[in-house]
Amino acid sequence: MRTGDVVVGETYIASIPQRLPEELRRPGDTPEQWRANMQLHLVRGRRITVTVTGFGEEPNMVQVSRDVPAGRVALRLTAEQAAALDLAEGQEYKIEGVVRDADGQALTFPGTTAHTIPARWLRPPGEQLELHPDTEHFHRALVCRDADGMTPQEIDRAAKKALEQLQHVRGLALEDPNVDHSVLTAETDHQEWLRIADRVRTAGLAAYDPQADPDAVEHPPLIRFRQT
């Protein structure tokens, strides 16, 4: 997006590139900057939900914040608690560490992280991804290969399993925009299983044969590594 199209306070999807610009790979001058840069490093190649909080000092940069659960906490001791631990008076103390429940599981707490990123990384939250034709071809070919020799009953079970997978990833995508691409591939898988099921029943076949299916997608080619 262009900076002029960005609205402060609105939520967007930020597509983080695999290779960050040099200025965003620096460790930072403060602990807060170091943690923010580390969090950005961890989401390289992903799509994350952010809220725009302002504009950066550099042109075409925006300030954003995002929810990042915190695993470590810091507890500042009162004077009474410090005295109970026989600590020297006249100083402030705090305990840092991980909070665990009765089962020993580490607990996380709500937290936010701030970043300054290029406005061009932002996308409207309602923007729909499109599956590349080559990716669609590949997934349809895999389904055709897997369905080869299956009975109508087996194909129905596979279609039901594909629907369950689609519903699962759709649920994940509600919280993680990075799963959007998996939703598209799961939809392709499910639709291809339904197409094959209809083909088998319409033709009255006892088993599916991709060689006899004019709409079947050719099996994906073998991957060959270039010899050096």
C-alpha atoms as a PDB file:
ATOM      1  CA  MET A   1       0.000   0.000   0.000  1.00  0.00           C
ATOM      2  CA  ARG A   2       0.975   3.636  -0.378  1.00  0.00           C
ATOM      3  CA  THR A   3       1.492   5.704   2.751  1.00  0.00           C
ATOM      4  CA  GLY A   4      -1.333   8.040   1.720  1.00  0.00           C
ATOM      5  CA  ASP A   5      -3.780   5.105   1.729  1.00  0.00           C
ATOM      6  CA  VAL A   6      -2.875   3.969   5.248  1.00  0.00           C
ATOM      7  CA  VAL A   7      -5.205   4.986   8.099  1.00  0.00           C
ATOM      8  CA  VAL A   8      -3.872   5.238  11.642  1.00  0.00           C
ATOM      9  CA  GLY A   9      -5.808   2.966  13.989  1.00  0.00           C
ATOM     10  CA  GLU A  10      -6.827   0.519  11.258  1.00  0.00           C
ATOM     11  CA  THR A  11      -5.817  -3.140  11.135  1.00  0.00           C
ATOM     12  CA  TYR A  12      -3.949  -4.550   8.143  1.00  0.00           C
ATOM     13  CA  ILE A  13      -2.207  -7.711   7.014  1.00  0.00           C
ATOM     14  CA  ALA A  14       1.562  -7.245   6.776  1.00  0.00           C
ATOM     15  CA  SER A  15       3.422  -9.545   4.382  1.00  0.00           C
ATOM     16  CA  ILE A  16       6.912  -9.864   5.859  1.00  0.00           C
ATOM     17  CA  PRO A  17       9.589 -10.732   3.267  1.00  0.00           C
ATOM     18  CA  GLN A  18      12.009 -13.576   3.841  1.00  0.00           C
ATOM     19  CA  ARG A  19      14.952 -11.187   3.552  1.00  0.00           C
ATOM     20  CA  LEU A  20      14.531  -8.096   5.707  1.00  0.00           C
ATOM     21  CA  PRO A  21      16.009  -4.737   4.680  1.00  0.00           C
ATOM     22  CA  GLU A  22      19.394  -4.050   6.226  1.00  0.00           C
ATOM     23  CA  GLU A  23      18.058  -1.335   8.544  1.00  0.00           C
ATOM     24  CA  LEU A  24      15.593  -3.818  10.050  1.00  0.00           C
ATOM     25  CA  ARG A  25      18.269  -6.451  10.616  1.00  0.00           C
ATOM     26  CA  ARG A  26      20.194  -4.288  13.079  1.00  0.00           C
ATOM     27  CA  PRO A  27      19.978  -5.391  16.730  1.00  0.00           C
ATOM     28  CA  GLY A  28      18.802  -1.984  18.012  1.00  0.00           C
ATOM     29  CA  ASP A  29      20.082   0.406  20.655  1.00  0.00           C
ATOM     30  CA  THR A  30      17.684  -0.560  23.463  1.00  0.00           C
ATOM     31  CA  PRO A  31      16.371  -3.876  24.867  1.00  0.00           C
ATOM     32  CA  GLU A  32      12.919  -2.986  23.492  1.00  0.00           C
ATOM     33  CA  GLN A  33      14.306  -2.458  19.984  1.00  0.00           C
ATOM     34  CA  TRP A  34      16.290  -5.684  20.200  1.00  0.00           C
ATOM     35  CA  ARG A  35      13.168  -7.661  21.189  1.00  0.00           C
ATOM     36  CA  ALA A  36      11.099  -6.001  18.451  1.00  0.00           C
ATOM     37  CA  ASN A  37      13.701  -6.801  15.782  1.00  0.00           C
ATOM     38  CA  MET A  38      13.941 -10.376  17.027  1.00  0.00           C
ATOM     39  CA  GLN A  39      10.146 -10.777  16.817  1.00  0.00           C
ATOM     40  CA  LEU A  40      10.208  -9.430  13.256  1.00  0.00           C
ATOM     41  CA  HIS A  41      12.987 -11.857  12.365  1.00  0.00           C
ATOM     42  CA  LEU A  42      10.856 -14.771  13.629  1.00  0.00           C
ATOM     43  CA  VAL A  43       7.981 -13.961  11.246  1.00  0.00           C
ATOM     44  CA  ARG A  44      10.022 -13.636   8.039  1.00  0.00           C
ATOM     45  CA  GLY A  45       8.100 -15.063   5.096  1.00  0.00           C
ATOM     46  CA  ARG A  46       4.793 -14.910   6.961  1.00  0.00           C
ATOM     47  CA  ARG A  47       1.661 -12.754   6.953  1.00  0.00           C
ATOM     48  CA  ILE A  48       0.781 -11.153  10.285  1.00  0.00           C
ATOM     49  CA  THR A  49      -2.001  -8.941  11.598  1.00  0.00           C
ATOM     50  CA  VAL A  50      -0.886  -5.448  12.658  1.00  0.00           C
ATOM     51  CA  THR A  51      -2.491  -2.180  13.748  1.00  0.00           C
ATOM     52  CA  VAL A  52      -1.075   1.078  12.402  1.00  0.00           C
ATOM     53  CA  THR A  53      -0.192   3.458  15.240  1.00  0.00           C
ATOM     54  CA  GLY A  54       1.553   6.208  13.268  1.00  0.00           C
ATOM     55  CA  PHE A  55       4.049   7.042  10.563  1.00  0.00           C
ATOM     56  CA  GLY A  56       7.812   6.617  10.672  1.00  0.00           C
ATOM     57  CA  GLU A  57      10.394   9.371  10.506  1.00  0.00           C
ATOM     58  CA  GLU A  58      11.628   8.009   7.181  1.00  0.00           C
ATOM     59  CA  PRO A  59       9.435   8.399   4.061  1.00  0.00           C
ATOM     60  CA  ASN A  60       6.994   5.570   3.217  1.00  0.00           C
ATOM     61  CA  MET A  61       7.422   3.955   6.651  1.00  0.00           C
ATOM     62  CA  VAL A  62       4.634   3.223   9.128  1.00  0.00           C
ATOM     63  CA  GLN A  63       4.618   2.375  12.821  1.00  0.00           C
ATOM     64  CA  VAL A  64       2.601  -0.712  13.717  1.00  0.00           C
ATOM     65  CA  SER A  65       1.894  -2.827  16.746  1.00  0.00           C
ATOM     66  CA  ARG A  66       0.867  -6.465  17.004  1.00  0.00           C
ATOM     67  CA  ASP A  67      -0.154  -8.871  19.712  1.00  0.00           C
ATOM     68  CA  VAL A  68       2.704 -11.104  20.838  1.00  0.00           C
ATOM     69  CA  PRO A  69       2.095 -13.302  23.914  1.00  0.00           C
ATOM     70  CA  ALA A  70       4.844 -12.858  26.499  1.00  0.00           C
ATOM     71  CA  GLY A  71       6.425 -15.934  28.045  1.00  0.00           C
ATOM     72  CA  ARG A  72       8.604 -14.140  30.586  1.00  0.00           C
ATOM     73  CA  VAL A  73       7.405 -11.821  33.327  1.00  0.00           C
ATOM     74  CA  ALA A  74       8.993  -9.408  35.774  1.00  0.00           C
ATOM     75  CA  LEU A  75       7.649  -8.893  39.305  1.00  0.00           C
ATOM     76  CA  ARG A  76       8.831  -5.858  41.285  1.00  0.00           C
ATOM     77  CA  LEU A  77       9.189  -6.615  45.006  1.00  0.00           C
ATOM     78  CA  THR A  78       7.641  -4.447  47.662  1.00  0.00           C
ATOM     79  CA  ALA A  79       9.781  -3.210  50.568  1.00  0.00           C
ATOM     80  CA  GLU A  80       8.163  -5.839  52.804  1.00  0.00           C
ATOM     81  CA  GLN A  81       8.912  -8.652  50.343  1.00  0.00           C
ATOM     82  CA  ALA A  82      12.518  -7.515  49.979  1.00  0.00           C
ATOM     83  CA  ALA A  83      12.880  -7.411  53.763  1.00  0.00           C
ATOM     84  CA  ALA A  84      11.390 -10.925  54.050  1.00  0.00           C
ATOM     85  CA  LEU A  85      14.088 -12.149  51.644  1.00  0.00           C
ATOM     86  CA  ASP A  86      16.751 -10.413  53.791  1.00  0.00           C
ATOM     87  CA  LEU A  87      17.767  -8.095  50.951  1.00  0.00           C
ATOM     88  CA  ALA A  88      19.595  -4.833  51.618  1.00  0.00           C
ATOM     89  CA  GLU A  89      17.372  -1.820  52.242  1.00  0.00           C
ATOM     90  CA  GLY A  90      17.257   1.295  50.088  1.00  0.00           C
ATOM     91  CA  GLN A  91      17.172  -0.530  46.735  1.00  0.00           C
ATOM     92  CA  GLU A  92      14.510  -1.775  44.373  1.00  0.00           C
ATOM     93  CA  TYR A  93      14.359  -5.439  43.373  1.00  0.00           C
ATOM     94  CA  LYS A  94      12.458  -7.426  40.794  1.00  0.00           C
ATOM     95  CA  ILE A  95      12.177 -11.105  39.961  1.00  0.00           C
ATOM     96  CA  GLU A  96      12.226 -12.159  36.299  1.00  0.00           C
ATOM     97  CA  GLY A  97      11.340 -15.581  34.987  1.00  0.00           C
ATOM     98  CA  VAL A  98       8.626 -17.929  33.695  1.00  0.00           C
ATOM     99  CA  VAL A  99       5.322 -18.592  35.458  1.00  0.00           C
ATOM    100  CA  ARG A 100       4.261 -22.242  35.482  1.00  0.00           C
ATOM    101  CA  ASP A 101       0.982 -23.856  36.526  1.00  0.00           C
ATOM    102  CA  ALA A 102       0.506 -26.860  38.791  1.00  0.00           C
ATOM    103  CA  ASP A 103       1.304 -29.211  35.891  1.00  0.00           C
ATOM    104  CA  GLY A 104       4.557 -27.435  35.125  1.00  0.00           C
ATOM    105  CA  GLN A 105       3.278 -25.858  31.910  1.00  0.00           C
ATOM    106  CA  ALA A 106       4.639 -22.389  31.143  1.00  0.00           C
ATOM    107  CA  LEU A 107       1.953 -19.695  31.008  1.00  0.00           C
ATOM    108  CA  THR A 108       1.828 -16.837  28.518  1.00  0.00           C
ATOM    109  CA  PHE A 109       0.393 -13.352  29.011  1.00  0.00           C
ATOM    110  CA  PRO A 110      -0.938 -10.771  26.533  1.00  0.00           C
ATOM    111  CA  GLY A 111       1.666  -8.409  25.174  1.00  0.00           C
ATOM    112  CA  THR A 112       2.353  -6.144  22.210  1.00  0.00           C
ATOM    113  CA  THR A 113       5.383  -5.415  20.058  1.00  0.00           C
ATOM    114  CA  ALA A 114       5.982  -2.275  18.003  1.00  0.00           C
ATOM    115  CA  HIS A 115       7.663  -2.188  14.588  1.00  0.00           C
ATOM    116  CA  THR A 116       8.446   0.441  11.973  1.00  0.00           C
ATOM    117  CA  ILE A 117       8.025  -1.161   8.548  1.00  0.00           C
ATOM    118  CA  PRO A 118       7.557  -0.064   4.902  1.00  0.00           C
ATOM    119  CA  ALA A 119       3.966   0.822   4.033  1.00  0.00           C
ATOM    120  CA  ARG A 120       4.249  -1.345   0.900  1.00  0.00           C
ATOM    121  CA  TRP A 121       4.198  -4.434   3.131  1.00  0.00           C
ATOM    122  CA  LEU A 122       0.627  -3.684   4.214  1.00  0.00           C
ATOM    123  CA  ARG A 123      -2.439  -5.242   2.598  1.00  0.00           C
ATOM    124  CA  PRO A 124      -6.148  -4.677   3.323  1.00  0.00           C
ATOM    125  CA  PRO A 125      -7.450  -7.335   5.747  1.00  0.00           C
ATOM    126  CA  GLY A 126     -10.147  -8.416   3.289  1.00  0.00           C
ATOM    127  CA  GLU A 127      -7.768  -8.943   0.387  1.00  0.00           C
ATOM    128  CA  GLN A 128      -8.153 -12.389  -1.133  1.00  0.00           C
ATOM    129  CA  LEU A 129      -5.137 -14.414  -2.173  1.00  0.00           C
ATOM    130  CA  GLU A 130      -5.205 -16.234  -5.484  1.00  0.00           C
ATOM    131  CA  LEU A 131      -3.703 -19.646  -6.061  1.00  0.00           C
ATOM    132  CA  HIS A 132      -1.090 -19.712  -8.798  1.00  0.00           C
ATOM    133  CA  PRO A 133      -2.218 -21.909 -11.732  1.00  0.00           C
ATOM    134  CA  ASP A 134       0.888 -24.080 -11.402  1.00  0.00           C
ATOM    135  CA  THR A 135       0.115 -24.697  -7.709  1.00  0.00           C
ATOM    136  CA  GLU A 136      -3.488 -25.580  -8.521  1.00  0.00           C
ATOM    137  CA  HIS A 137      -2.306 -27.944 -11.264  1.00  0.00           C
ATOM    138  CA  PHE A 138       0.109 -29.617  -8.865  1.00  0.00           C
ATOM    139  CA  HIS A 139      -2.498 -30.236  -6.153  1.00  0.00           C
ATOM    140  CA  ARG A 140      -5.102 -31.535  -8.599  1.00  0.00           C
ATOM    141  CA  ALA A 141      -2.511 -33.882 -10.054  1.00  0.00           C
ATOM    142  CA  LEU A 142      -1.690 -35.243  -6.610  1.00  0.00           C
ATOM    143  CA  VAL A 143      -5.375 -35.971  -5.946  1.00  0.00           C
ATOM    144  CA  CYS A 144      -5.737 -37.741  -9.301  1.00  0.00           C
ATOM    145  CA  ARG A 145      -2.682 -39.837  -8.516  1.00  0.00           C
ATOM    146  CA  ASP A 146      -3.966 -40.749  -5.047  1.00  0.00           C
ATOM    147  CA  ALA A 147      -7.446 -41.602  -6.382  1.00  0.00           C
ATOM    148  CA  ASP A 148      -6.096 -44.018  -8.992  1.00  0.00           C
ATOM    149  CA  GLY A 149      -7.721 -47.420  -8.391  1.00  0.00           C
ATOM    150  CA  MET A 150     -10.000 -46.236  -5.586  1.00  0.00           C
ATOM    151  CA  THR A 151     -13.585 -47.441  -5.353  1.00  0.00           C
ATOM    152  CA  PRO A 152     -16.465 -44.914  -5.112  1.00  0.00           C
ATOM    153  CA  GLN A 153     -16.728 -45.600  -1.378  1.00  0.00           C
ATOM    154  CA  GLU A 154     -13.024 -44.950  -0.855  1.00  0.00           C
ATOM    155  CA  ILE A 155     -13.251 -41.738  -2.866  1.00  0.00           C
ATOM    156  CA  ASP A 156     -16.176 -40.569  -0.724  1.00  0.00           C
ATOM    157  CA  ARG A 157     -14.141 -41.155   2.413  1.00  0.00           C
ATOM    158  CA  ALA A 158     -11.205 -39.255   0.933  1.00  0.00           C
ATOM    159  CA  ALA A 159     -13.498 -36.362  -0.007  1.00  0.00           C
ATOM    160  CA  LYS A 160     -14.886 -36.279   3.527  1.00  0.00           C
ATOM    161  CA  LYS A 161     -11.367 -36.243   4.963  1.00  0.00           C
ATOM    162  CA  ALA A 162     -10.428 -33.402   2.587  1.00  0.00           C
ATOM    163  CA  LEU A 163     -13.468 -31.433   3.786  1.00  0.00           C
ATOM    164  CA  GLU A 164     -12.438 -31.939   7.414  1.00  0.00           C
ATOM    165  CA  GLN A 165      -8.948 -30.648   6.567  1.00  0.00           C
ATOM    166  CA  LEU A 166     -10.449 -27.643   4.797  1.00  0.00           C
ATOM    167  CA  GLN A 167     -12.623 -26.799   7.801  1.00  0.00           C
ATOM    168  CA  HIS A 168      -9.601 -27.184  10.080  1.00  0.00           C
ATOM    169  CA  VAL A 169      -7.374 -24.777   8.171  1.00  0.00           C
ATOM    170  CA  ARG A 170     -10.254 -22.306   7.770  1.00  0.00           C
ATOM    171  CA  GLY A 171     -10.461 -22.207  11.548  1.00  0.00           C
ATOM    172  CA  LEU A 172      -6.728 -21.632  11.839  1.00  0.00           C
ATOM    173  CA  ALA A 173      -6.911 -18.832   9.269  1.00  0.00           C
ATOM    174  CA  LEU A 174      -9.277 -16.887  11.542  1.00  0.00           C
ATOM    175  CA  GLU A 175      -6.354 -16.316  13.892  1.00  0.00           C
ATOM    176  CA  ASP A 176      -3.374 -16.592  11.553  1.00  0.00           C
ATOM    177  CA  PRO A 177      -3.482 -14.917   8.132  1.00  0.00           C
ATOM    178  CA  ASN A 178      -0.421 -16.921   7.134  1.00  0.00           C
ATOM    179  CA  VAL A 179      -2.724 -19.958   6.802  1.00  0.00           C
ATOM    180  CA  ASP A 180      -4.732 -18.287   4.005  1.00  0.00           C
ATOM    181  CA  HIS A 181      -2.642 -20.005   1.327  1.00  0.00           C
ATOM    182  CA  SER A 182      -3.264 -23.401   2.952  1.00  0.00           C
ATOM    183  CA  VAL A 183      -7.003 -22.713   2.776  1.00  0.00           C
ATOM    184  CA  LEU A 184      -6.735 -22.237  -0.986  1.00  0.00           C
ATOM    185  CA  THR A 185      -4.843 -25.491  -1.500  1.00  0.00           C
ATOM    186  CA  ALA A 186      -7.235 -27.366   0.799  1.00  0.00           C
ATOM    187  CA  GLU A 187     -10.174 -26.028  -1.219  1.00  0.00           C
ATOM    188  CA  THR A 188      -8.512 -27.233  -4.421  1.00  0.00           C
ATOM    189  CA  ASP A 189      -7.962 -30.696  -2.942  1.00  0.00           C
ATOM    190  CA  HIS A 190     -11.566 -30.962  -1.755  1.00  0.00           C
ATOM    191  CA  GLN A 191     -13.061 -29.787  -5.059  1.00  0.00           C
ATOM    192  CA  GLU A 192     -10.942 -32.265  -7.011  1.00  0.00           C
ATOM    193  CA  TRP A 193     -12.072 -35.150  -4.816  1.00  0.00           C
ATOM    194  CA  LEU A 194     -15.706 -34.096  -5.375  1.00  0.00           C
ATOM    195  CA  ARG A 195     -15.123 -33.890  -9.139  1.00  0.00           C
ATOM    196  CA  ILE A 196     -13.624 -37.376  -9.218  1.00  0.00           C
ATOM    197  CA  ALA A 197     -16.467 -38.776  -7.099  1.00  0.00           C
ATOM    198  CA  ASP A 198     -19.003 -37.336  -9.545  1.00  0.00           C
ATOM    199  CA  ARG A 199     -17.009 -38.675 -12.503  1.00  0.00           C
ATOM    200  CA  VAL A 200     -16.941 -42.222 -11.099  1.00  0.00           C
ATOM    201  CA  ARG A 201     -20.666 -42.276 -10.393  1.00  0.00           C
ATOM    202  CA  THR A 202     -21.679 -40.673 -13.682  1.00  0.00           C
ATOM    203  CA  ALA A 203     -19.599 -43.179 -15.654  1.00  0.00           C
ATOM    204  CA  GLY A 204     -20.679 -46.097 -13.457  1.00  0.00           C
ATOM    205  CA  LEU A 205     -17.075 -47.113 -12.759  1.00  0.00           C
ATOM    206  CA  ALA A 206     -16.118 -49.685 -10.145  1.00  0.00           C
ATOM    207  CA  ALA A 207     -12.821 -47.879  -9.620  1.00  0.00           C
ATOM    208  CA  TYR A 208     -11.299 -44.607 -10.741  1.00  0.00           C
ATOM    209  CA  ASP A 209      -8.878 -44.625 -13.650  1.00  0.00           C
ATOM    210  CA  PRO A 210      -7.248 -41.251 -14.434  1.00  0.00           C
ATOM    211  CA  GLN A 211      -6.316 -42.555 -17.892  1.00  0.00           C
ATOM    212  CA  ALA A 212     -10.023 -42.800 -18.692  1.00  0.00           C
ATOM    213  CA  ASP A 213     -10.826 -39.363 -17.223  1.00  0.00           C
ATOM    214  CA  PRO A 214     -10.606 -36.604 -19.861  1.00  0.00           C
ATOM    215  CA  ASP A 215     -10.527 -33.933 -17.125  1.00  0.00           C
ATOM    216  CA  ALA A 216      -7.796 -35.582 -15.076  1.00  0.00           C
ATOM    217  CA  VAL A 217      -4.661 -33.530 -14.500  1.00  0.00           C
ATOM    218  CA  GLU A 218      -1.402 -35.081 -15.591  1.00  0.00           C
ATOM    219  CA  HIS A 219       0.768 -36.332 -12.766  1.00  0.00           C
ATOM    220  CA  PRO A 220       3.311 -33.744 -11.581  1.00  0.00           C
ATOM    221  CA  PRO A 221       6.739 -34.250 -13.181  1.00  0.00           C
ATOM    222  CA  LEU A 222       9.576 -35.704 -11.195  1.00  0.00           C
ATOM    223  CA  ILE A 223      11.951 -33.197  -9.663  1.00  0.00           C
ATOM    224  CA  ARG A 224      15.387 -33.394 -11.193  1.00  0.00           C
ATOM    225  CA  PHE A 225      18.385 -31.677  -9.699  1.00  0.00           C
ATOM    226  CA  ARG A 226      20.785 -29.930 -12.023  1.00  0.00           C
ATOM    227  CA  GLN A 227      24.126 -31.656 -12.244  1.00  0.00           C
ATOM    228  CA  THR A 228      27.135 -29.447 -11.511  1.00  0.00           C
END
